[in-house]
C-alpha atoms as a PDB file:
ATOM      1  CA  MET A   1      -0.549  -5.607  -7.554  1.00  0.00           C
ATOM      2  CA  LEU A   2      -1.906  -7.642  -4.705  1.00  0.00           C
ATOM      3  CA  LYS A   3      -5.365  -9.103  -4.897  1.00  0.00           C
ATOM      4  CA  VAL A   4      -7.736  -8.455  -2.004  1.00  0.00           C
ATOM      5  CA  SER A   5      -7.977 -12.184  -1.305  1.00  0.00           C
ATOM      6  CA  GLU A   6      -4.183 -12.315  -0.965  1.00  0.00           C
ATOM      7  CA  VAL A   7      -4.224  -9.360   1.417  1.00  0.00           C
ATOM      8  CA  ARG A   8      -6.937 -10.949   3.566  1.00  0.00           C
ATOM      9  CA  ALA A   9      -4.802 -14.100   3.872  1.00  0.00           C
ATOM     10  CA  MET A  10      -1.893 -12.124   5.378  1.00  0.00           C
ATOM     11  CA  THR A  11      -1.224 -11.909   9.098  1.00  0.00           C
ATOM     12  CA  SER A  12      -1.385  -8.577  10.895  1.00  0.00           C
ATOM     13  CA  GLU A  13       2.410  -8.376  11.022  1.00  0.00           C
ATOM     14  CA  GLN A  14       2.653  -8.980   7.279  1.00  0.00           C
ATOM     15  CA  LEU A  15       0.035  -6.286   6.647  1.00  0.00           C
ATOM     16  CA  THR A  16       1.946  -3.789   8.747  1.00  0.00           C
ATOM     17  CA  LYS A  17       5.213  -4.599   6.998  1.00  0.00           C
ATOM     18  CA  GLU A  18       3.591  -4.397   3.546  1.00  0.00           C
ATOM     19  CA  LEU A  19       2.013  -1.037   4.456  1.00  0.00           C
ATOM     20  CA  GLN A  20       5.361   0.364   5.550  1.00  0.00           C
ATOM     21  CA  THR A  21       6.930  -0.821   2.305  1.00  0.00           C
ATOM     22  CA  ALA A  22       4.130   0.715   0.229  1.00  0.00           C
ATOM     23  CA  ASN A  23       4.401   4.045   2.063  1.00  0.00           C
ATOM     24  CA  ARG A  24       8.146   4.131   1.448  1.00  0.00           C
ATOM     25  CA  GLU A  25       7.577   3.256  -2.206  1.00  0.00           C
ATOM     26  CA  LEU A  26       5.058   6.105  -2.545  1.00  0.00           C
ATOM     27  CA  PHE A  27       7.541   8.509  -0.969  1.00  0.00           C
ATOM     28  CA  ASP A  28      10.237   7.426  -3.424  1.00  0.00           C
ATOM     29  CA  LEU A  29       7.860   7.733  -6.384  1.00  0.00           C
ATOM     30  CA  ARG A  30       6.839  11.243  -5.361  1.00  0.00           C
ATOM     31  CA  LEU A  31      10.467  12.221  -4.971  1.00  0.00           C
ATOM     32  CA  LYS A  32      11.280  10.875  -8.433  1.00  0.00           C
ATOM     33  CA  ALA A  33       8.256  12.692  -9.881  1.00  0.00           C
ATOM     34  CA  SER A  34       9.335  15.982  -8.371  1.00  0.00           C
ATOM     35  CA  THR A  35      12.842  15.622  -9.793  1.00  0.00           C
ATOM     36  CA  LYS A  36      11.513  14.567 -13.227  1.00  0.00           C
ATOM     37  CA  GLN A  37      13.062  11.086 -12.964  1.00  0.00           C
ATOM     38  CA  LEU A  38       9.821   9.107 -12.855  1.00  0.00           C
ATOM     39  CA  VAL A  39       9.254   7.191 -16.078  1.00  0.00           C
ATOM     40  CA  ASN A  40       5.816   5.648 -15.454  1.00  0.00           C
ATOM     41  CA  HIS A  41       3.454   8.089 -13.735  1.00  0.00           C
ATOM     42  CA  ARG A  42       0.786   5.387 -13.305  1.00  0.00           C
ATOM     43  CA  GLU A  43       2.848   3.884 -10.487  1.00  0.00           C
ATOM     44  CA  ILE A  44       1.748   6.621  -8.065  1.00  0.00           C
ATOM     45  CA  PRO A  45      -2.015   5.874  -8.242  1.00  0.00           C
ATOM     46  CA  ARG A  46      -1.302   2.122  -8.158  1.00  0.00           C
ATOM     47  CA  THR A  47       0.717   2.507  -4.983  1.00  0.00           C
ATOM     48  CA  ARG A  48      -1.917   4.753  -3.419  1.00  0.00           C
ATOM     49  CA  ARG A  49      -4.573   2.143  -4.168  1.00  0.00           C
ATOM     50  CA  LYS A  50      -2.403  -0.582  -2.648  1.00  0.00           C
ATOM     51  CA  ILE A  51      -2.071   1.505   0.532  1.00  0.00           C
ATOM     52  CA  ALA A  52      -5.832   2.050   0.625  1.00  0.00           C
ATOM     53  CA  VAL A  53      -6.554  -1.676   0.302  1.00  0.00           C
ATOM     54  CA  LEU A  54      -4.082  -2.520   3.066  1.00  0.00           C
ATOM     55  CA  GLN A  55      -5.505   0.121   5.391  1.00  0.00           C
ATOM     56  CA  THR A  56      -9.064  -1.008   4.680  1.00  0.00           C
ATOM     57  CA  ILE A  57      -8.306  -4.632   5.561  1.00  0.00           C
ATOM     58  CA  MET A  58      -6.485  -3.549   8.718  1.00  0.00           C
ATOM     59  CA  ARG A  59      -9.450  -1.405   9.743  1.00  0.00           C
ATOM     60  CA  GLU A  60     -11.892  -4.247   9.051  1.00  0.00           C
ATOM     61  CA  ARG A  61      -9.896  -6.504  11.359  1.00  0.00           C
ATOM     62  CA  GLU A  62      -9.753  -3.801  14.006  1.00  0.00           C
ATOM     63  CA  LEU A  63     -13.540  -3.366  13.944  1.00  0.00           C
ATOM     64  CA  ALA A  64     -14.135  -7.129  13.927  1.00  0.00           C
ATOM     65  CA  GLY A  65     -12.009  -7.470  17.061  1.00  0.00           C
ATOM     66  CA  GLN A  66     -14.177  -5.079  19.072  1.00  0.00           C
END
């Protein structure tokens, strides 16, 4: 799990790439959960939180730029 300080240190391109990766990971986890192949169900909330942190930092930067 990324720390917020680590996320804030990333560039905008890195944030976008990390967000895409996290969204793909969430999709894969949901697919595994629906087919009963997911071993650790706690991965879904962790990934959702990671996405939320990334989106929050991106939004903060967007508002700061205005």
